[in-house]
Amino acid sequence: MALRNILTDGDATLRKKSRTVTEFNKRLWELLDDMAETLFEANGLGLAAPQVGVLRRVALVLEPGAEDEDDTLFELINPEIIEISGEQDGLEGCLSFPGVWALVKRPMRVKLRAQDRNGEFFEVEGEGITARAFCHELGHLEGQVFTEVAHKILSQEELEKIIEEQNKRAGEVESE
């Protein structure tokens, strides 16, 4: 495994549409392993192949586990959204846009159909932050970045205020 360079805003690759994966071989497995190492090193929740300069329909999403559970890493090859429901409006960032945060509306629940590293089809559902990450990463595969779908790019002061409010609400919930 090897760390890959994460492309940042301004690189034209981020705005190009990815091609379908047709070969499920050692090169794909290497890409998936490298992307996982890169994602963990960057402390992110998701990473799409275009972010590391590969225009293929490959994405990873890390679903945080509950306090006593491990996180789950989803390897998504040729993913497509097959069902959505609800709505959430929240804070979103991106490894390709360091220091940029925005408010983005996304579905609350998303169901995907994708292939695994061996080409087998599967379905997976995500809610909340996982649904947000699914949509964000699939956007990358279409050449779309989160700042294009955001309804507000936040200043540093606005970001700090939102984080402060979220921490305050979390503290209130813990004390109940």
Protein backbone atom coordinates (compact mmCIF):
# COMPACT_ATOMS: atom_id res chain seq x y z
CA MET A 1 0.00 0.00 0.00
CA ALA A 2 1.05 3.56 -0.61
CA LEU A 3 -0.18 7.03 0.18
CA ARG A 4 -1.60 8.86 -2.82
CA ASN A 5 -1.48 12.61 -3.33
CA ILE A 6 -4.90 14.23 -2.80
CA LEU A 7 -5.65 16.75 -5.54
CA THR A 8 -6.86 20.14 -4.40
CA ASP A 9 -9.21 22.76 -5.83
CA GLY A 10 -7.88 24.15 -9.06
CA ASP A 11 -6.91 20.75 -10.46
CA ALA A 12 -9.07 20.13 -13.55
CA THR A 13 -9.30 16.39 -12.78
CA LEU A 14 -11.72 17.14 -9.93
CA ARG A 15 -14.27 18.45 -12.42
CA LYS A 16 -14.11 15.55 -14.88
CA LYS A 17 -16.57 12.66 -15.03
CA SER A 18 -15.20 9.24 -14.09
CA ARG A 19 -15.36 6.14 -16.27
CA THR A 20 -16.99 2.85 -15.32
CA VAL A 21 -14.74 0.16 -13.88
CA THR A 22 -14.81 -2.94 -16.10
CA GLU A 23 -11.76 -4.85 -14.87
CA PHE A 24 -11.68 -6.16 -11.32
CA ASN A 25 -8.03 -7.01 -10.99
CA LYS A 26 -4.85 -6.39 -9.01
CA ARG A 27 -4.61 -2.77 -10.24
CA LEU A 28 -8.07 -2.02 -8.86
CA TRP A 29 -7.27 -3.74 -5.56
CA GLU A 30 -4.06 -1.72 -5.30
CA LEU A 31 -6.00 1.50 -5.94
CA LEU A 32 -8.54 0.58 -3.25
CA ASP A 33 -5.82 -0.26 -0.72
CA ASP A 34 -3.88 2.93 -1.49
CA MET A 35 -7.05 5.01 -1.23
CA ALA A 36 -7.88 3.45 2.14
CA GLU A 37 -4.41 4.22 3.49
CA THR A 38 -4.67 7.77 2.12
CA LEU A 39 -8.14 8.27 3.63
CA PHE A 40 -7.06 7.06 7.07
CA GLU A 41 -3.89 9.18 6.99
CA ALA A 42 -5.93 12.27 6.05
CA ASN A 43 -8.49 11.52 8.77
CA GLY A 44 -11.39 11.82 6.32
CA LEU A 45 -14.81 10.20 5.97
CA GLY A 46 -14.67 9.62 2.25
CA LEU A 47 -12.40 9.63 -0.77
CA ALA A 48 -13.16 9.24 -4.47
CA ALA A 49 -10.68 8.06 -7.10
CA PRO A 50 -10.70 11.41 -8.97
CA GLN A 51 -9.35 13.01 -5.79
CA VAL A 52 -6.20 10.94 -6.22
CA GLY A 53 -6.02 11.56 -9.98
CA VAL A 54 -7.78 8.39 -11.20
CA LEU A 55 -10.89 8.94 -13.31
CA ARG A 56 -12.64 5.70 -12.41
CA ARG A 57 -15.96 5.17 -10.60
CA VAL A 58 -14.39 4.14 -7.29
CA ALA A 59 -15.10 5.66 -3.88
CA LEU A 60 -14.57 4.88 -0.22
CA VAL A 61 -16.83 5.93 2.63
CA LEU A 62 -16.01 5.42 6.30
CA GLU A 63 -19.07 4.97 8.50
CA PRO A 64 -18.24 5.84 12.11
CA GLY A 65 -19.13 3.04 14.51
CA ALA A 66 -20.96 3.54 17.78
CA GLU A 67 -18.84 3.96 20.91
CA ASP A 68 -18.30 0.21 21.33
CA GLU A 69 -18.16 -0.64 17.59
CA ASP A 70 -15.50 -0.40 14.92
CA ASP A 71 -15.87 1.93 11.96
CA THR A 72 -17.00 0.35 8.67
CA LEU A 73 -15.19 1.09 5.41
CA PHE A 74 -17.36 0.79 2.31
CA GLU A 75 -15.57 0.15 -0.97
CA LEU A 76 -17.92 1.36 -3.69
CA ILE A 77 -17.21 0.52 -7.32
CA ASN A 78 -19.58 1.82 -10.00
CA PRO A 79 -21.99 3.03 -7.29
CA GLU A 80 -25.41 4.43 -8.09
CA ILE A 81 -28.10 5.84 -5.85
CA ILE A 82 -31.25 3.74 -6.03
CA GLU A 83 -33.30 5.32 -3.25
CA ILE A 84 -33.30 8.50 -1.16
CA SER A 85 -35.55 9.86 1.57
CA GLY A 86 -35.71 12.75 3.98
CA GLU A 87 -33.49 15.79 4.06
CA GLN A 88 -30.65 17.14 6.16
CA ASP A 89 -28.89 20.46 6.02
CA GLY A 90 -25.47 20.53 7.53
CA LEU A 91 -21.79 21.19 7.65
CA GLU A 92 -19.62 19.65 4.96
CA GLY A 93 -15.94 19.76 4.10
CA CYS A 94 -13.69 17.96 1.64
CA LEU A 95 -10.12 16.66 1.62
CA SER A 96 -9.63 18.38 -1.75
CA PHE A 97 -10.70 21.74 -0.27
CA PRO A 98 -8.65 22.06 2.91
CA GLY A 99 -10.02 24.69 5.27
CA VAL A 100 -13.23 25.22 3.26
CA TRP A 101 -16.54 24.43 4.95
CA ALA A 102 -20.06 24.89 3.65
CA LEU A 103 -23.69 24.18 4.41
CA VAL A 104 -25.12 21.59 2.03
CA LYS A 105 -28.58 20.00 1.81
CA ARG A 106 -28.46 16.24 1.30
CA PRO A 107 -30.90 13.35 1.71
CA MET A 108 -31.18 11.94 5.26
CA ARG A 109 -31.16 8.36 3.98
CA VAL A 110 -29.51 6.95 0.85
CA LYS A 111 -29.53 3.45 -0.60
CA LEU A 112 -26.78 2.53 -3.07
CA ARG A 113 -26.15 -0.32 -5.45
CA ALA A 114 -22.46 -0.88 -6.13
CA GLN A 115 -19.90 -3.55 -6.84
CA ASP A 116 -17.21 -4.81 -4.49
CA ARG A 117 -13.54 -5.30 -5.34
CA ASN A 118 -14.38 -8.65 -6.99
CA GLY A 119 -17.19 -7.27 -9.15
CA GLU A 120 -20.03 -8.68 -7.03
CA PHE A 121 -23.08 -6.41 -6.73
CA PHE A 122 -24.40 -5.38 -3.32
CA GLU A 123 -26.71 -2.80 -1.79
CA VAL A 124 -25.97 -0.62 1.20
CA GLU A 125 -27.94 2.03 3.09
CA GLY A 126 -26.65 4.98 5.00
CA GLU A 127 -28.28 7.58 7.22
CA GLY A 128 -27.14 10.95 8.47
CA ILE A 129 -23.41 11.53 8.03
CA THR A 130 -23.03 8.30 6.02
CA ALA A 131 -25.78 9.35 3.58
CA ARG A 132 -24.06 12.74 3.30
CA ALA A 133 -20.71 11.06 2.55
CA PHE A 134 -22.29 8.74 -0.06
CA CYS A 135 -23.74 11.73 -1.92
CA HIS A 136 -20.54 13.76 -1.60
CA GLU A 137 -18.32 10.99 -2.98
CA LEU A 138 -20.71 10.09 -5.81
CA GLY A 139 -20.68 13.78 -6.73
CA HIS A 140 -16.91 13.53 -7.20
CA LEU A 141 -17.45 10.66 -9.65
CA GLU A 142 -19.63 12.98 -11.74
CA GLY A 143 -17.06 15.79 -11.64
CA GLN A 144 -19.10 17.75 -9.10
CA VAL A 145 -17.54 19.25 -5.98
CA PHE A 146 -19.42 20.17 -2.82
CA THR A 147 -18.93 23.91 -3.23
CA GLU A 148 -21.09 23.71 -6.37
CA VAL A 149 -24.07 22.32 -4.44
CA ALA A 150 -23.55 24.27 -1.20
CA HIS A 151 -26.07 26.95 -0.34
CA LYS A 152 -23.52 28.78 1.84
CA ILE A 153 -19.72 28.77 1.97
CA LEU A 154 -18.78 29.58 5.56
CA SER A 155 -16.30 32.12 6.86
CA GLN A 156 -14.02 31.06 9.70
CA GLU A 157 -16.19 32.98 12.18
CA GLU A 158 -19.40 31.32 10.93
CA LEU A 159 -17.75 27.90 11.14
CA GLU A 160 -16.60 28.51 14.72
CA LYS A 161 -20.10 29.65 15.71
CA ILE A 162 -21.73 26.52 14.24
CA ILE A 163 -19.22 24.23 15.96
CA GLU A 164 -19.75 26.04 19.24
CA GLU A 165 -23.54 25.61 18.92
CA GLN A 166 -23.17 21.91 18.07
CA ASN A 167 -20.89 21.36 21.06
CA LYS A 168 -23.35 23.18 23.30
CA ARG A 169 -26.24 20.99 22.06
CA ALA A 170 -24.15 17.84 22.51
CA GLY A 171 -23.39 18.88 26.09
CA GLU A 172 -27.09 19.43 26.77
CA VAL A 173 -27.94 15.97 25.45
CA GLU A 174 -25.23 14.32 27.58
CA SER A 175 -26.51 16.00 30.75
CA GLU A 176 -30.09 14.74 30.25
